[in-house]
N, C-alpha and C. Protein backbone atom coordinates (compact mmCIF):
# COMPACT_ATOMS: atom_id res chain seq x y z
N MET A 1 -31.42 -21.98 30.04
CA MET A 1 -31.32 -21.43 28.71
C MET A 1 -30.78 -20.00 28.74
N LYS A 2 -31.32 -19.21 29.71
CA LYS A 2 -30.88 -17.83 29.84
C LYS A 2 -29.40 -17.75 30.21
N ASN A 3 -28.96 -18.67 31.09
CA ASN A 3 -27.55 -18.69 31.49
C ASN A 3 -26.66 -19.09 30.33
N ASN A 4 -27.10 -20.03 29.50
CA ASN A 4 -26.32 -20.42 28.32
C ASN A 4 -26.14 -19.24 27.38
N PHE A 5 -27.21 -18.47 27.18
CA PHE A 5 -27.13 -17.30 26.31
C PHE A 5 -26.13 -16.29 26.87
N ARG A 6 -26.17 -16.07 28.17
CA ARG A 6 -25.23 -15.13 28.81
C ARG A 6 -23.79 -15.63 28.67
N GLN A 7 -23.58 -16.91 28.85
CA GLN A 7 -22.23 -17.47 28.72
C GLN A 7 -21.71 -17.31 27.29
N ILE A 8 -22.57 -17.57 26.33
CA ILE A 8 -22.17 -17.41 24.93
C ILE A 8 -21.86 -15.96 24.63
N ALA A 9 -22.73 -15.05 25.08
CA ALA A 9 -22.53 -13.62 24.85
C ALA A 9 -21.23 -13.15 25.51
N LEU A 10 -20.99 -13.60 26.72
CA LEU A 10 -19.77 -13.22 27.43
C LEU A 10 -18.54 -13.77 26.71
N SER A 11 -18.61 -15.02 26.27
CA SER A 11 -17.49 -15.62 25.53
C SER A 11 -17.20 -14.85 24.25
N LEU A 12 -18.25 -14.50 23.52
CA LEU A 12 -18.07 -13.72 22.29
C LEU A 12 -17.47 -12.36 22.58
N ALA A 13 -17.92 -11.72 23.64
CA ALA A 13 -17.38 -10.40 24.00
C ALA A 13 -15.89 -10.50 24.32
N ILE A 14 -15.51 -11.55 25.04
CA ILE A 14 -14.09 -11.74 25.39
C ILE A 14 -13.27 -11.99 24.13
N ILE A 15 -13.75 -12.85 23.25
CA ILE A 15 -13.04 -13.15 22.01
C ILE A 15 -12.88 -11.90 21.16
N MET A 16 -13.94 -11.13 21.04
CA MET A 16 -13.87 -9.90 20.23
C MET A 16 -12.90 -8.91 20.84
N THR A 17 -12.91 -8.78 22.15
CA THR A 17 -11.99 -7.86 22.83
C THR A 17 -10.55 -8.30 22.63
N LEU A 18 -10.28 -9.59 22.79
CA LEU A 18 -8.92 -10.09 22.60
C LEU A 18 -8.46 -9.91 21.16
N SER A 19 -9.36 -10.06 20.19
CA SER A 19 -8.95 -9.87 18.80
C SER A 19 -8.60 -8.42 18.52
N LEU A 20 -9.23 -7.50 19.23
CA LEU A 20 -8.86 -6.09 19.07
C LEU A 20 -7.45 -5.85 19.58
N PHE A 21 -7.10 -6.47 20.69
CA PHE A 21 -5.76 -6.30 21.23
C PHE A 21 -4.70 -6.90 20.32
N ALA A 22 -5.05 -7.89 19.57
CA ALA A 22 -4.10 -8.51 18.65
C ALA A 22 -3.62 -7.51 17.60
N PHE A 23 -4.46 -6.54 17.24
CA PHE A 23 -4.08 -5.57 16.23
C PHE A 23 -3.67 -4.23 16.83
N SER A 24 -3.74 -4.09 18.13
CA SER A 24 -3.46 -2.78 18.72
C SER A 24 -1.97 -2.50 18.85
N GLY A 25 -1.14 -3.52 18.79
CA GLY A 25 0.30 -3.34 18.90
C GLY A 25 0.87 -2.83 17.59
N SER A 26 2.18 -2.74 17.55
CA SER A 26 2.80 -2.28 16.32
C SER A 26 2.69 -3.36 15.25
N VAL A 27 2.66 -2.93 14.03
CA VAL A 27 2.56 -3.85 12.91
C VAL A 27 3.92 -4.45 12.65
N SER A 28 3.95 -5.74 12.43
CA SER A 28 5.21 -6.41 12.14
C SER A 28 5.23 -6.85 10.69
N ALA A 29 6.25 -6.43 9.98
CA ALA A 29 6.38 -6.81 8.57
C ALA A 29 6.54 -8.31 8.43
N SER A 30 7.14 -8.95 9.42
CA SER A 30 7.36 -10.38 9.30
C SER A 30 6.06 -11.16 9.22
N SER A 31 4.98 -10.61 9.76
CA SER A 31 3.70 -11.30 9.69
C SER A 31 3.13 -11.31 8.27
N PHE A 32 3.58 -10.39 7.43
CA PHE A 32 3.10 -10.33 6.06
C PHE A 32 4.18 -10.65 5.04
N SER A 33 5.44 -10.73 5.48
CA SER A 33 6.53 -10.88 4.52
C SER A 33 6.43 -12.16 3.73
N PHE A 34 5.98 -13.25 4.37
CA PHE A 34 5.86 -14.49 3.63
C PHE A 34 4.85 -14.33 2.50
N ASP A 35 3.68 -13.79 2.81
CA ASP A 35 2.65 -13.57 1.78
C ASP A 35 3.18 -12.69 0.67
N MET A 36 3.82 -11.59 1.02
CA MET A 36 4.27 -10.63 0.02
C MET A 36 5.40 -11.20 -0.84
N ASN A 37 6.31 -11.92 -0.21
CA ASN A 37 7.39 -12.55 -0.97
C ASN A 37 6.86 -13.69 -1.82
N GLU A 38 5.98 -14.49 -1.26
CA GLU A 38 5.39 -15.62 -1.98
C GLU A 38 4.64 -15.14 -3.23
N LEU A 39 3.97 -14.02 -3.11
CA LEU A 39 3.23 -13.45 -4.24
C LEU A 39 4.11 -12.63 -5.17
N GLY A 40 5.36 -12.42 -4.79
CA GLY A 40 6.28 -11.65 -5.63
C GLY A 40 6.13 -10.15 -5.49
N ILE A 41 5.34 -9.69 -4.55
CA ILE A 41 5.07 -8.25 -4.41
C ILE A 41 6.30 -7.50 -3.92
N THR A 42 7.04 -8.09 -3.01
CA THR A 42 8.22 -7.42 -2.45
C THR A 42 9.51 -8.12 -2.86
N ALA A 43 9.50 -8.75 -4.00
CA ALA A 43 10.66 -9.51 -4.47
C ALA A 43 11.93 -8.65 -4.45
N GLY A 44 12.95 -9.15 -3.77
CA GLY A 44 14.24 -8.48 -3.71
C GLY A 44 14.32 -7.29 -2.78
N MET A 45 13.26 -6.99 -2.05
CA MET A 45 13.27 -5.80 -1.18
C MET A 45 13.54 -6.12 0.28
N ASN A 46 13.49 -7.37 0.68
CA ASN A 46 13.76 -7.81 2.06
C ASN A 46 12.98 -7.02 3.11
N PRO A 47 11.66 -6.97 3.01
CA PRO A 47 10.88 -6.16 3.95
C PRO A 47 10.96 -6.64 5.39
N GLU A 48 11.17 -7.94 5.60
CA GLU A 48 11.25 -8.45 6.97
C GLU A 48 12.46 -7.89 7.70
N GLN A 49 13.48 -7.46 6.97
CA GLN A 49 14.66 -6.86 7.57
C GLN A 49 14.57 -5.34 7.60
N ARG A 50 13.53 -4.80 6.99
CA ARG A 50 13.43 -3.34 6.86
C ARG A 50 12.09 -2.80 7.36
N GLU A 51 11.41 -3.53 8.25
CA GLU A 51 10.05 -3.18 8.61
C GLU A 51 9.89 -1.76 9.16
N ASN A 52 10.89 -1.23 9.81
CA ASN A 52 10.79 0.13 10.36
C ASN A 52 11.39 1.19 9.44
N GLU A 53 11.94 0.76 8.32
CA GLU A 53 12.48 1.71 7.34
C GLU A 53 11.35 2.28 6.49
N TYR A 54 11.56 3.49 6.02
CA TYR A 54 10.59 4.09 5.12
C TYR A 54 10.71 3.50 3.72
N VAL A 55 9.58 3.39 3.06
CA VAL A 55 9.52 2.90 1.68
C VAL A 55 9.75 4.08 0.75
N ARG A 56 10.58 3.89 -0.26
CA ARG A 56 10.78 4.94 -1.27
C ARG A 56 9.65 4.88 -2.29
N ARG A 57 9.44 6.00 -2.95
CA ARG A 57 8.37 6.09 -3.95
C ARG A 57 8.57 5.09 -5.10
N ASP A 58 9.80 4.89 -5.53
CA ASP A 58 10.03 3.95 -6.63
C ASP A 58 9.80 2.51 -6.19
N GLU A 59 10.15 2.19 -4.93
CA GLU A 59 9.90 0.84 -4.42
C GLU A 59 8.41 0.55 -4.39
N PHE A 60 7.63 1.52 -3.96
CA PHE A 60 6.19 1.31 -3.89
C PHE A 60 5.60 1.14 -5.29
N ALA A 61 6.10 1.90 -6.24
CA ALA A 61 5.63 1.73 -7.62
C ALA A 61 5.84 0.29 -8.07
N GLN A 62 7.01 -0.28 -7.75
CA GLN A 62 7.28 -1.66 -8.13
C GLN A 62 6.36 -2.62 -7.38
N MET A 63 6.12 -2.38 -6.09
CA MET A 63 5.21 -3.24 -5.33
C MET A 63 3.82 -3.27 -5.96
N VAL A 64 3.33 -2.11 -6.37
CA VAL A 64 1.99 -2.04 -6.96
C VAL A 64 1.96 -2.75 -8.30
N VAL A 65 2.98 -2.56 -9.10
CA VAL A 65 3.07 -3.26 -10.39
C VAL A 65 3.12 -4.77 -10.15
N ASN A 66 3.88 -5.20 -9.17
CA ASN A 66 3.94 -6.63 -8.83
C ASN A 66 2.59 -7.13 -8.34
N MET A 67 1.93 -6.33 -7.52
CA MET A 67 0.61 -6.70 -7.02
C MET A 67 -0.38 -6.89 -8.18
N MET A 68 -0.28 -6.04 -9.19
CA MET A 68 -1.18 -6.11 -10.36
C MET A 68 -0.69 -7.14 -11.38
N GLN A 69 0.47 -7.73 -11.12
CA GLN A 69 1.09 -8.72 -12.01
C GLN A 69 1.32 -8.15 -13.42
N GLN A 70 1.89 -6.95 -13.45
CA GLN A 70 2.16 -6.26 -14.71
C GLN A 70 3.66 -6.03 -14.93
N GLN A 71 4.49 -6.93 -14.40
CA GLN A 71 5.93 -6.77 -14.50
C GLN A 71 6.41 -6.73 -15.95
N ASP A 72 5.83 -7.56 -16.81
CA ASP A 72 6.26 -7.58 -18.21
C ASP A 72 5.94 -6.27 -18.92
N VAL A 73 4.79 -5.71 -18.63
CA VAL A 73 4.43 -4.43 -19.23
C VAL A 73 5.37 -3.34 -18.72
N ALA A 74 5.66 -3.36 -17.43
CA ALA A 74 6.59 -2.37 -16.86
C ALA A 74 7.96 -2.49 -17.50
N LYS A 75 8.42 -3.70 -17.68
CA LYS A 75 9.73 -3.91 -18.31
C LYS A 75 9.77 -3.33 -19.72
N SER A 76 8.67 -3.43 -20.44
CA SER A 76 8.61 -2.91 -21.81
C SER A 76 8.63 -1.38 -21.84
N LEU A 77 8.39 -0.75 -20.70
CA LEU A 77 8.36 0.72 -20.64
C LEU A 77 9.62 1.32 -20.02
N GLU A 78 10.63 0.50 -19.79
CA GLU A 78 11.85 0.99 -19.13
C GLU A 78 12.56 2.08 -19.93
N ASN A 79 12.41 2.10 -21.23
CA ASN A 79 13.10 3.09 -22.05
C ASN A 79 12.25 4.31 -22.36
N GLU A 80 11.05 4.37 -21.79
CA GLU A 80 10.19 5.54 -21.98
C GLU A 80 10.67 6.66 -21.06
N ALA A 81 10.23 7.87 -21.34
CA ALA A 81 10.68 9.02 -20.55
C ALA A 81 9.47 9.82 -20.06
N TYR A 82 8.80 9.31 -19.05
CA TYR A 82 7.68 10.04 -18.46
C TYR A 82 8.16 11.12 -17.51
N PHE A 83 9.30 10.86 -16.87
CA PHE A 83 9.87 11.81 -15.92
C PHE A 83 11.36 11.97 -16.20
N THR A 84 11.88 13.12 -15.87
CA THR A 84 13.29 13.42 -16.17
C THR A 84 14.27 12.85 -15.15
N ASP A 85 13.77 12.37 -14.02
CA ASP A 85 14.68 11.98 -12.94
C ASP A 85 14.58 10.50 -12.54
N VAL A 86 14.10 9.63 -13.42
CA VAL A 86 13.96 8.22 -13.04
C VAL A 86 14.95 7.28 -13.73
N ASP A 87 15.82 7.81 -14.56
CA ASP A 87 16.76 6.96 -15.29
C ASP A 87 17.63 6.09 -14.38
N ASP A 88 17.98 6.59 -13.21
CA ASP A 88 18.85 5.85 -12.30
C ASP A 88 18.10 4.87 -11.41
N SER A 89 16.77 4.90 -11.44
CA SER A 89 15.99 4.00 -10.59
C SER A 89 15.88 2.62 -11.23
N GLN A 90 16.11 1.60 -10.44
CA GLN A 90 15.95 0.23 -10.95
C GLN A 90 14.49 -0.10 -11.20
N TYR A 91 13.59 0.77 -10.73
CA TYR A 91 12.15 0.54 -10.89
C TYR A 91 11.51 1.50 -11.89
N LYS A 92 12.29 2.02 -12.82
CA LYS A 92 11.77 3.04 -13.74
C LYS A 92 10.65 2.50 -14.62
N GLY A 93 10.68 1.23 -14.98
CA GLY A 93 9.59 0.65 -15.76
C GLY A 93 8.28 0.69 -15.00
N ALA A 94 8.33 0.39 -13.71
CA ALA A 94 7.13 0.43 -12.87
C ALA A 94 6.62 1.87 -12.74
N ILE A 95 7.53 2.80 -12.56
CA ILE A 95 7.15 4.21 -12.46
C ILE A 95 6.48 4.64 -13.76
N ASN A 96 7.08 4.29 -14.89
CA ASN A 96 6.52 4.67 -16.19
C ASN A 96 5.15 4.05 -16.42
N LEU A 97 4.97 2.81 -16.00
CA LEU A 97 3.66 2.17 -16.17
C LEU A 97 2.59 2.87 -15.34
N LEU A 98 2.90 3.18 -14.08
CA LEU A 98 1.92 3.86 -13.24
C LEU A 98 1.62 5.26 -13.77
N ALA A 99 2.62 5.91 -14.36
CA ALA A 99 2.39 7.22 -14.98
C ALA A 99 1.49 7.07 -16.20
N GLN A 100 1.77 6.08 -17.02
CA GLN A 100 0.96 5.84 -18.22
C GLN A 100 -0.48 5.53 -17.86
N MET A 101 -0.69 4.82 -16.76
CA MET A 101 -2.04 4.46 -16.32
C MET A 101 -2.75 5.60 -15.61
N GLY A 102 -2.02 6.69 -15.31
CA GLY A 102 -2.61 7.84 -14.64
C GLY A 102 -2.66 7.72 -13.13
N TYR A 103 -1.95 6.76 -12.57
CA TYR A 103 -1.95 6.58 -11.11
C TYR A 103 -1.05 7.57 -10.41
N ILE A 104 0.00 8.02 -11.11
CA ILE A 104 0.93 8.99 -10.55
C ILE A 104 1.13 10.11 -11.56
N SER A 105 1.43 11.28 -11.03
CA SER A 105 1.67 12.41 -11.93
C SER A 105 2.98 13.12 -11.62
N GLY A 106 3.70 12.63 -10.66
CA GLY A 106 4.98 13.24 -10.33
C GLY A 106 4.83 14.40 -9.38
N SER A 107 5.91 15.11 -9.20
CA SER A 107 5.94 16.20 -8.23
C SER A 107 6.02 17.57 -8.91
N GLY A 108 5.80 17.60 -10.18
CA GLY A 108 5.86 18.86 -10.91
C GLY A 108 7.14 18.98 -11.70
N ASN A 109 7.18 19.92 -12.60
CA ASN A 109 8.30 20.20 -13.52
C ASN A 109 8.98 18.93 -14.06
N GLY A 110 8.17 17.93 -14.40
CA GLY A 110 8.68 16.75 -15.06
C GLY A 110 9.41 15.74 -14.19
N GLU A 111 9.37 15.93 -12.89
CA GLU A 111 10.09 15.04 -11.97
C GLU A 111 9.14 14.14 -11.20
N TYR A 112 9.66 12.99 -10.82
CA TYR A 112 8.91 12.07 -9.96
C TYR A 112 9.52 11.98 -8.56
N ARG A 113 10.80 12.20 -8.44
CA ARG A 113 11.54 12.08 -7.19
C ARG A 113 11.44 10.67 -6.61
N PRO A 114 11.95 9.70 -7.33
CA PRO A 114 11.79 8.29 -6.96
C PRO A 114 12.41 7.90 -5.62
N ALA A 115 13.47 8.58 -5.21
CA ALA A 115 14.15 8.20 -3.96
C ALA A 115 13.52 8.83 -2.72
N GLU A 116 12.55 9.71 -2.91
CA GLU A 116 11.87 10.28 -1.75
C GLU A 116 10.97 9.24 -1.11
N TYR A 117 10.66 9.47 0.17
CA TYR A 117 9.83 8.51 0.89
C TYR A 117 8.37 8.62 0.48
N LEU A 118 7.70 7.49 0.54
CA LEU A 118 6.29 7.37 0.22
C LEU A 118 5.45 7.97 1.34
N THR A 119 4.53 8.85 1.00
CA THR A 119 3.63 9.41 2.00
C THR A 119 2.37 8.56 2.11
N TYR A 120 1.69 8.71 3.21
CA TYR A 120 0.43 8.00 3.45
C TYR A 120 -0.58 8.35 2.36
N GLY A 121 -0.70 9.64 2.05
CA GLY A 121 -1.66 10.09 1.04
C GLY A 121 -1.36 9.53 -0.34
N ALA A 122 -0.08 9.49 -0.71
CA ALA A 122 0.29 8.95 -2.02
C ALA A 122 0.00 7.46 -2.09
N ALA A 123 0.25 6.73 -1.00
CA ALA A 123 -0.05 5.30 -0.98
C ALA A 123 -1.54 5.08 -1.17
N CYS A 124 -2.36 5.87 -0.49
CA CYS A 124 -3.81 5.75 -0.65
C CYS A 124 -4.22 6.02 -2.09
N LYS A 125 -3.70 7.10 -2.67
CA LYS A 125 -4.08 7.47 -4.03
C LYS A 125 -3.74 6.37 -5.03
N ILE A 126 -2.52 5.88 -4.96
CA ILE A 126 -2.07 4.88 -5.94
C ILE A 126 -2.87 3.59 -5.80
N LEU A 127 -3.09 3.13 -4.56
CA LEU A 127 -3.82 1.88 -4.38
C LEU A 127 -5.30 2.03 -4.71
N VAL A 128 -5.89 3.18 -4.44
CA VAL A 128 -7.29 3.41 -4.84
C VAL A 128 -7.40 3.31 -6.36
N HIS A 129 -6.44 3.89 -7.07
CA HIS A 129 -6.40 3.75 -8.54
C HIS A 129 -6.25 2.28 -8.94
N ALA A 130 -5.27 1.61 -8.35
CA ALA A 130 -4.96 0.23 -8.73
C ALA A 130 -6.16 -0.69 -8.51
N LEU A 131 -6.97 -0.38 -7.51
CA LEU A 131 -8.15 -1.20 -7.21
C LEU A 131 -9.38 -0.79 -8.03
N GLY A 132 -9.25 0.31 -8.78
CA GLY A 132 -10.36 0.74 -9.64
C GLY A 132 -11.40 1.59 -8.94
N TYR A 133 -11.11 2.07 -7.75
CA TYR A 133 -12.06 2.90 -7.02
C TYR A 133 -11.87 4.39 -7.28
N ASP A 134 -10.97 4.75 -8.17
CA ASP A 134 -10.71 6.17 -8.45
C ASP A 134 -11.94 6.85 -9.06
N LYS A 135 -12.85 6.09 -9.65
CA LYS A 135 -14.05 6.67 -10.27
C LYS A 135 -15.02 7.25 -9.25
N ILE A 136 -14.90 6.84 -7.99
CA ILE A 136 -15.80 7.37 -6.97
C ILE A 136 -15.16 8.47 -6.12
N VAL A 137 -13.92 8.82 -6.44
CA VAL A 137 -13.24 9.90 -5.72
C VAL A 137 -13.84 11.22 -6.18
N GLU A 138 -14.30 12.04 -5.23
CA GLU A 138 -15.02 13.26 -5.56
C GLU A 138 -14.16 14.34 -6.21
N ASP A 139 -12.91 14.45 -5.81
CA ASP A 139 -12.01 15.42 -6.42
C ASP A 139 -10.60 14.83 -6.40
N SER A 140 -9.64 15.54 -6.91
CA SER A 140 -8.30 14.97 -7.04
C SER A 140 -7.40 15.23 -5.82
N SER A 141 -7.98 15.68 -4.73
CA SER A 141 -7.16 15.93 -3.54
C SER A 141 -6.79 14.62 -2.85
N LEU A 142 -5.66 14.63 -2.17
CA LEU A 142 -5.25 13.44 -1.42
C LEU A 142 -6.26 13.10 -0.34
N ASN A 143 -6.89 14.13 0.25
CA ASN A 143 -7.91 13.88 1.27
C ASN A 143 -9.06 13.07 0.71
N ALA A 144 -9.46 13.35 -0.53
CA ALA A 144 -10.55 12.60 -1.16
C ALA A 144 -10.14 11.14 -1.38
N TYR A 145 -8.90 10.92 -1.79
CA TYR A 145 -8.41 9.55 -1.96
C TYR A 145 -8.32 8.84 -0.61
N GLN A 146 -7.88 9.55 0.41
CA GLN A 146 -7.79 8.96 1.74
C GLN A 146 -9.18 8.59 2.26
N PHE A 147 -10.17 9.40 1.97
CA PHE A 147 -11.53 9.10 2.39
C PHE A 147 -12.02 7.82 1.73
N VAL A 148 -11.82 7.70 0.42
CA VAL A 148 -12.23 6.49 -0.28
C VAL A 148 -11.45 5.28 0.23
N ALA A 149 -10.16 5.45 0.47
CA ALA A 149 -9.34 4.36 1.00
C ALA A 149 -9.89 3.86 2.33
N GLY A 150 -10.30 4.78 3.17
CA GLY A 150 -10.91 4.39 4.45
C GLY A 150 -12.25 3.71 4.26
N THR A 151 -13.04 4.20 3.33
CA THR A 151 -14.36 3.65 3.06
C THR A 151 -14.28 2.20 2.58
N ILE A 152 -13.31 1.90 1.75
CA ILE A 152 -13.18 0.53 1.22
C ILE A 152 -12.32 -0.36 2.11
N LYS A 153 -11.94 0.17 3.28
CA LYS A 153 -11.17 -0.57 4.29
C LYS A 153 -9.72 -0.86 3.88
N LEU A 154 -9.22 -0.07 2.96
CA LEU A 154 -7.82 -0.18 2.55
C LEU A 154 -6.87 0.21 3.68
N THR A 155 -7.32 1.11 4.53
CA THR A 155 -6.46 1.64 5.59
C THR A 155 -6.73 1.01 6.96
N ASN A 156 -7.47 -0.09 7.00
CA ASN A 156 -7.72 -0.75 8.28
C ASN A 156 -6.42 -1.09 8.98
N ASN A 157 -6.32 -0.66 10.23
CA ASN A 157 -5.16 -0.92 11.10
C ASN A 157 -3.88 -0.25 10.62
N VAL A 158 -3.98 0.68 9.68
CA VAL A 158 -2.82 1.44 9.20
C VAL A 158 -2.86 2.80 9.89
N ASP A 159 -1.74 3.23 10.42
CA ASP A 159 -1.66 4.49 11.14
C ASP A 159 -1.71 5.67 10.17
N SER A 160 -2.83 6.37 10.16
CA SER A 160 -3.00 7.49 9.23
C SER A 160 -2.30 8.76 9.69
N SER A 161 -1.74 8.74 10.88
CA SER A 161 -1.08 9.95 11.38
C SER A 161 0.37 10.06 10.93
N VAL A 162 0.87 9.01 10.28
CA VAL A 162 2.26 9.02 9.85
C VAL A 162 2.43 9.87 8.60
N GLU A 163 3.57 10.51 8.48
CA GLU A 163 3.85 11.25 7.26
C GLU A 163 4.38 10.32 6.19
N TYR A 164 5.31 9.45 6.58
CA TYR A 164 5.91 8.52 5.63
C TYR A 164 5.57 7.08 6.02
N MET A 165 5.46 6.25 5.02
CA MET A 165 5.07 4.86 5.22
C MET A 165 6.30 3.97 5.44
N THR A 166 6.28 3.19 6.51
CA THR A 166 7.30 2.18 6.73
C THR A 166 6.95 0.94 5.92
N PHE A 167 7.89 0.02 5.83
CA PHE A 167 7.59 -1.24 5.15
C PHE A 167 6.44 -1.97 5.85
N ALA A 168 6.44 -1.97 7.17
CA ALA A 168 5.39 -2.66 7.90
C ALA A 168 4.02 -2.07 7.57
N GLN A 169 3.91 -0.75 7.62
CA GLN A 169 2.62 -0.10 7.31
C GLN A 169 2.23 -0.31 5.85
N THR A 170 3.19 -0.24 4.96
CA THR A 170 2.92 -0.41 3.53
C THR A 170 2.45 -1.82 3.24
N MET A 171 3.11 -2.80 3.84
CA MET A 171 2.70 -4.18 3.61
C MET A 171 1.32 -4.45 4.18
N LEU A 172 0.99 -3.83 5.29
CA LEU A 172 -0.36 -3.97 5.84
C LEU A 172 -1.39 -3.39 4.88
N MET A 173 -1.09 -2.23 4.31
CA MET A 173 -2.02 -1.61 3.36
C MET A 173 -2.18 -2.48 2.11
N ILE A 174 -1.10 -3.03 1.61
CA ILE A 174 -1.19 -3.91 0.43
C ILE A 174 -1.95 -5.18 0.80
N HIS A 175 -1.71 -5.70 1.99
CA HIS A 175 -2.46 -6.87 2.47
C HIS A 175 -3.96 -6.56 2.46
N ASN A 176 -4.32 -5.37 2.94
CA ASN A 176 -5.72 -4.96 2.92
C ASN A 176 -6.25 -4.88 1.50
N ALA A 177 -5.42 -4.35 0.59
CA ALA A 177 -5.82 -4.23 -0.82
C ALA A 177 -6.12 -5.60 -1.42
N LEU A 178 -5.35 -6.60 -1.04
CA LEU A 178 -5.56 -7.93 -1.57
C LEU A 178 -6.84 -8.57 -1.04
N ASP A 179 -7.35 -8.04 0.07
CA ASP A 179 -8.60 -8.55 0.65
C ASP A 179 -9.84 -7.84 0.13
N ILE A 180 -9.65 -6.79 -0.65
CA ILE A 180 -10.80 -6.00 -1.13
C ILE A 180 -11.36 -6.66 -2.38
């Protein structure tokens, strides 16, 4: 009986160790691209071909709107003017919706800078809002949003040391959001 218990414990330890190694490598967008495309989250963005490319702020706004299934509402806001620099973005409706919902506030002086790359902190803030956990954020700093994102496991297996989010990292974070 004692030997059986040891064998089971050893087997479990090996399985758990091997599962850790499965996530220790680099994140591959192709492992999530089917889910994201099937759900319409990355529609038209071809993330499987862009996994190491940085995600733009406007692209992420559209991903979040798609994740929340609010495309029709975003489309109805395409002619609104929340920011002075989004008219040329194909995702301006999504940007306007997230602004209206209070998820984004832009970069100051009326601009959003849609073509700039998405930062880790901004991704955490927007997804914490989208998931409804913004009410437990202690202050409006990105660090506070990042703390909550970590607490709710939104950032599991996502590299927090990066300045800008790649498609692979972004899709992993959205995948985590769908599991919360």
